[in-house]
């Protein structure tokens, strides 16, 4: 029984079924949230130099914003952080400590 086609006489109920071929996948692009397909294609077709220049310009503007914020913060600090303000705070603290009643010799 071990001939060339040993399995040839199919058992009852079996059918000769051709293997299903997998469909070849095709690549396609679609727009994503916040960017249309036209925008994506335009960016993809840009020259690297243009893209680099745009990136550097954005980075520069962000750094300037941060610098401006820091300067505003430091100028605000300088206005409030003077010796006069500190002296006034010390006086207030001293006055508060004096006004508290002494707790010496109190028996519970």
C-alpha atoms as a PDB file:
ATOM      1  CA  UNK A   1       0.000   0.000   0.000  1.00  0.00           C
ATOM      2  CA  UNK A   2       3.012   2.322   0.142  1.00  0.00           C
ATOM      3  CA  UNK A   3       2.938   3.384  -3.484  1.00  0.00           C
ATOM      4  CA  UNK A   4       3.544   6.818  -4.979  1.00  0.00           C
ATOM      5  CA  UNK A   5       0.071   8.071  -4.047  1.00  0.00           C
ATOM      6  CA  UNK A   6      -0.532   6.212  -0.820  1.00  0.00           C
ATOM      7  CA  UNK A   7      -3.341   8.597   0.174  1.00  0.00           C
ATOM      8  CA  UNK A   8      -5.048   8.687  -3.193  1.00  0.00           C
ATOM      9  CA  UNK A   9      -8.261   6.809  -2.493  1.00  0.00           C
ATOM     10  CA  UNK A  10      -9.845   9.520  -0.311  1.00  0.00           C
ATOM     11  CA  UNK A  11     -11.750   8.377   2.697  1.00  0.00           C
ATOM     12  CA  UNK A  12     -15.503   8.906   2.464  1.00  0.00           C
ATOM     13  CA  UNK A  13     -16.550  12.441   3.419  1.00  0.00           C
ATOM     14  CA  UNK A  14     -13.187  13.999   2.427  1.00  0.00           C
ATOM     15  CA  UNK A  15     -12.983  16.375  -0.504  1.00  0.00           C
ATOM     16  CA  UNK A  16      -9.991  17.625  -2.400  1.00  0.00           C
ATOM     17  CA  UNK A  17      -9.872  21.336  -1.437  1.00  0.00           C
ATOM     18  CA  UNK A  18      -7.344  23.707  -2.956  1.00  0.00           C
ATOM     19  CA  UNK A  19      -5.486  25.788  -0.377  1.00  0.00           C
ATOM     20  CA  UNK A  20      -6.864  29.312  -0.174  1.00  0.00           C
ATOM     21  CA  UNK A  21      -4.339  31.835  -1.424  1.00  0.00           C
ATOM     22  CA  UNK A  22      -3.692  34.785   0.827  1.00  0.00           C
ATOM     23  CA  UNK A  23      -4.453  38.099  -0.809  1.00  0.00           C
ATOM     24  CA  UNK A  24      -1.359  40.210  -1.271  1.00  0.00           C
ATOM     25  CA  UNK A  25      -1.479  43.315   0.902  1.00  0.00           C
ATOM     26  CA  UNK A  26      -1.234  46.705  -0.744  1.00  0.00           C
ATOM     27  CA  UNK A  27       0.142  49.808   0.921  1.00  0.00           C
ATOM     28  CA  UNK A  28      -1.954  52.955   0.959  1.00  0.00           C
ATOM     29  CA  UNK A  29      -1.894  56.212   2.868  1.00  0.00           C
ATOM     30  CA  UNK A  30      -4.714  57.960   4.627  1.00  0.00           C
ATOM     31  CA  UNK A  31      -5.005  61.094   6.688  1.00  0.00           C
ATOM     32  CA  UNK A  32      -4.613  60.948  10.463  1.00  0.00           C
ATOM     33  CA  UNK A  33      -6.063  63.137  13.176  1.00  0.00           C
ATOM     34  CA  UNK A  34      -4.747  66.676  12.883  1.00  0.00           C
ATOM     35  CA  UNK A  35      -3.156  66.183   9.451  1.00  0.00           C
ATOM     36  CA  UNK A  36      -4.800  65.798   6.068  1.00  0.00           C
ATOM     37  CA  UNK A  37      -3.287  63.560   3.428  1.00  0.00           C
ATOM     38  CA  UNK A  38      -2.252  66.632   1.410  1.00  0.00           C
ATOM     39  CA  UNK A  39      -0.298  67.980   4.411  1.00  0.00           C
ATOM     40  CA  UNK A  40       1.427  64.653   4.952  1.00  0.00           C
ATOM     41  CA  UNK A  41       2.395  64.328   1.282  1.00  0.00           C
ATOM     42  CA  UNK A  42       3.620  67.943   1.181  1.00  0.00           C
ATOM     43  CA  UNK A  43       5.857  67.332   4.196  1.00  0.00           C
ATOM     44  CA  UNK A  44       7.141  64.070   2.749  1.00  0.00           C
ATOM     45  CA  UNK A  45       8.043  65.712  -0.557  1.00  0.00           C
ATOM     46  CA  UNK A  46       9.908  68.599   1.111  1.00  0.00           C
ATOM     47  CA  UNK A  47      13.630  68.833   0.698  1.00  0.00           C
ATOM     48  CA  UNK A  48      15.606  67.947   3.868  1.00  0.00           C
ATOM     49  CA  UNK A  49      17.256  71.394   3.929  1.00  0.00           C
ATOM     50  CA  UNK A  50      13.877  73.135   4.004  1.00  0.00           C
ATOM     51  CA  UNK A  51      12.673  70.866   6.790  1.00  0.00           C
ATOM     52  CA  UNK A  52      15.863  71.475   8.804  1.00  0.00           C
ATOM     53  CA  UNK A  53      15.536  75.241   8.405  1.00  0.00           C
ATOM     54  CA  UNK A  54      11.918  75.157   9.566  1.00  0.00           C
ATOM     55  CA  UNK A  55      12.826  73.055  12.589  1.00  0.00           C
ATOM     56  CA  UNK A  56      15.658  75.396  13.595  1.00  0.00           C
ATOM     57  CA  UNK A  57      13.401  78.421  13.254  1.00  0.00           C
ATOM     58  CA  UNK A  58      10.748  76.859  15.513  1.00  0.00           C
ATOM     59  CA  UNK A  59      13.380  75.880  18.089  1.00  0.00           C
ATOM     60  CA  UNK A  60      14.771  79.424  18.049  1.00  0.00           C
ATOM     61  CA  UNK A  61      11.337  80.978  18.613  1.00  0.00           C
ATOM     62  CA  UNK A  62      10.628  78.569  21.501  1.00  0.00           C
ATOM     63  CA  UNK A  63      13.948  79.411  23.155  1.00  0.00           C
ATOM     64  CA  UNK A  64      13.180  83.137  22.852  1.00  0.00           C
ATOM     65  CA  UNK A  65       9.781  82.602  24.472  1.00  0.00           C
ATOM     66  CA  UNK A  66      11.366  80.726  27.389  1.00  0.00           C
ATOM     67  CA  UNK A  67      14.027  83.421  27.767  1.00  0.00           C
ATOM     68  CA  UNK A  68      11.389  86.166  27.832  1.00  0.00           C
ATOM     69  CA  UNK A  69       9.430  84.263  30.469  1.00  0.00           C
ATOM     70  CA  UNK A  70      12.525  83.848  32.655  1.00  0.00           C
ATOM     71  CA  UNK A  71      13.382  87.552  32.347  1.00  0.00           C
ATOM     72  CA  UNK A  72       9.851  88.543  33.334  1.00  0.00           C
ATOM     73  CA  UNK A  73      10.023  86.220  36.334  1.00  0.00           C
ATOM     74  CA  UNK A  74      13.403  87.536  37.490  1.00  0.00           C
ATOM     75  CA  UNK A  75      12.331  91.193  37.121  1.00  0.00           C
ATOM     76  CA  UNK A  76       9.231  90.427  39.214  1.00  0.00           C
ATOM     77  CA  UNK A  77      11.416  88.830  41.884  1.00  0.00           C
ATOM     78  CA  UNK A  78      13.756  91.835  41.998  1.00  0.00           C
ATOM     79  CA  UNK A  79      10.825  94.184  42.656  1.00  0.00           C
ATOM     80  CA  UNK A  80       9.612  92.229  45.683  1.00  0.00           C
ATOM     81  CA  UNK A  81      12.890  90.822  47.010  1.00  0.00           C
ATOM     82  CA  UNK A  82      14.445  93.997  48.474  1.00  0.00           C
ATOM     83  CA  UNK A  83      16.095  94.655  51.817  1.00  0.00           C
ATOM     84  CA  UNK A  84      13.232  96.925  52.911  1.00  0.00           C
ATOM     85  CA  UNK A  85      10.691  94.148  52.471  1.00  0.00           C
ATOM     86  CA  UNK A  86      12.887  91.733  54.408  1.00  0.00           C
ATOM     87  CA  UNK A  87      13.358  94.226  57.246  1.00  0.00           C
ATOM     88  CA  UNK A  88       9.600  94.799  57.448  1.00  0.00           C
ATOM     89  CA  UNK A  89       9.018  91.060  57.635  1.00  0.00           C
ATOM     90  CA  UNK A  90      11.575  90.726  60.458  1.00  0.00           C
ATOM     91  CA  UNK A  91       9.787  93.469  62.423  1.00  0.00           C
ATOM     92  CA  UNK A  92       6.457  91.713  61.960  1.00  0.00           C
ATOM     93  CA  UNK A  93       7.949  88.429  63.162  1.00  0.00           C
ATOM     94  CA  UNK A  94       9.506  90.067  66.234  1.00  0.00           C
ATOM     95  CA  UNK A  95       6.216  91.771  67.115  1.00  0.00           C
ATOM     96  CA  UNK A  96       4.377  88.449  66.852  1.00  0.00           C
ATOM     97  CA  UNK A  97       6.797  86.671  69.184  1.00  0.00           C
ATOM     98  CA  UNK A  98       6.559  89.439  71.815  1.00  0.00           C
ATOM     99  CA  UNK A  99       2.756  89.532  71.905  1.00  0.00           C
ATOM    100  CA  UNK A 100       2.449  85.842  72.823  1.00  0.00           C
ATOM    101  CA  UNK A 101       1.872  85.329  76.546  1.00  0.00           C
ATOM    102  CA  UNK A 102       4.676  83.579  78.399  1.00  0.00           C
ATOM    103  CA  UNK A 103       4.104  79.957  79.406  1.00  0.00           C
ATOM    104  CA  UNK A 104       6.707  79.783  82.152  1.00  0.00           C
ATOM    105  CA  UNK A 105       5.721  78.243  85.464  1.00  0.00           C
ATOM    106  CA  UNK A 106       2.266  77.109  84.324  1.00  0.00           C
ATOM    107  CA  UNK A 107       1.126  73.988  86.138  1.00  0.00           C
ATOM    108  CA  UNK A 108      -1.350  71.647  84.505  1.00  0.00           C
END
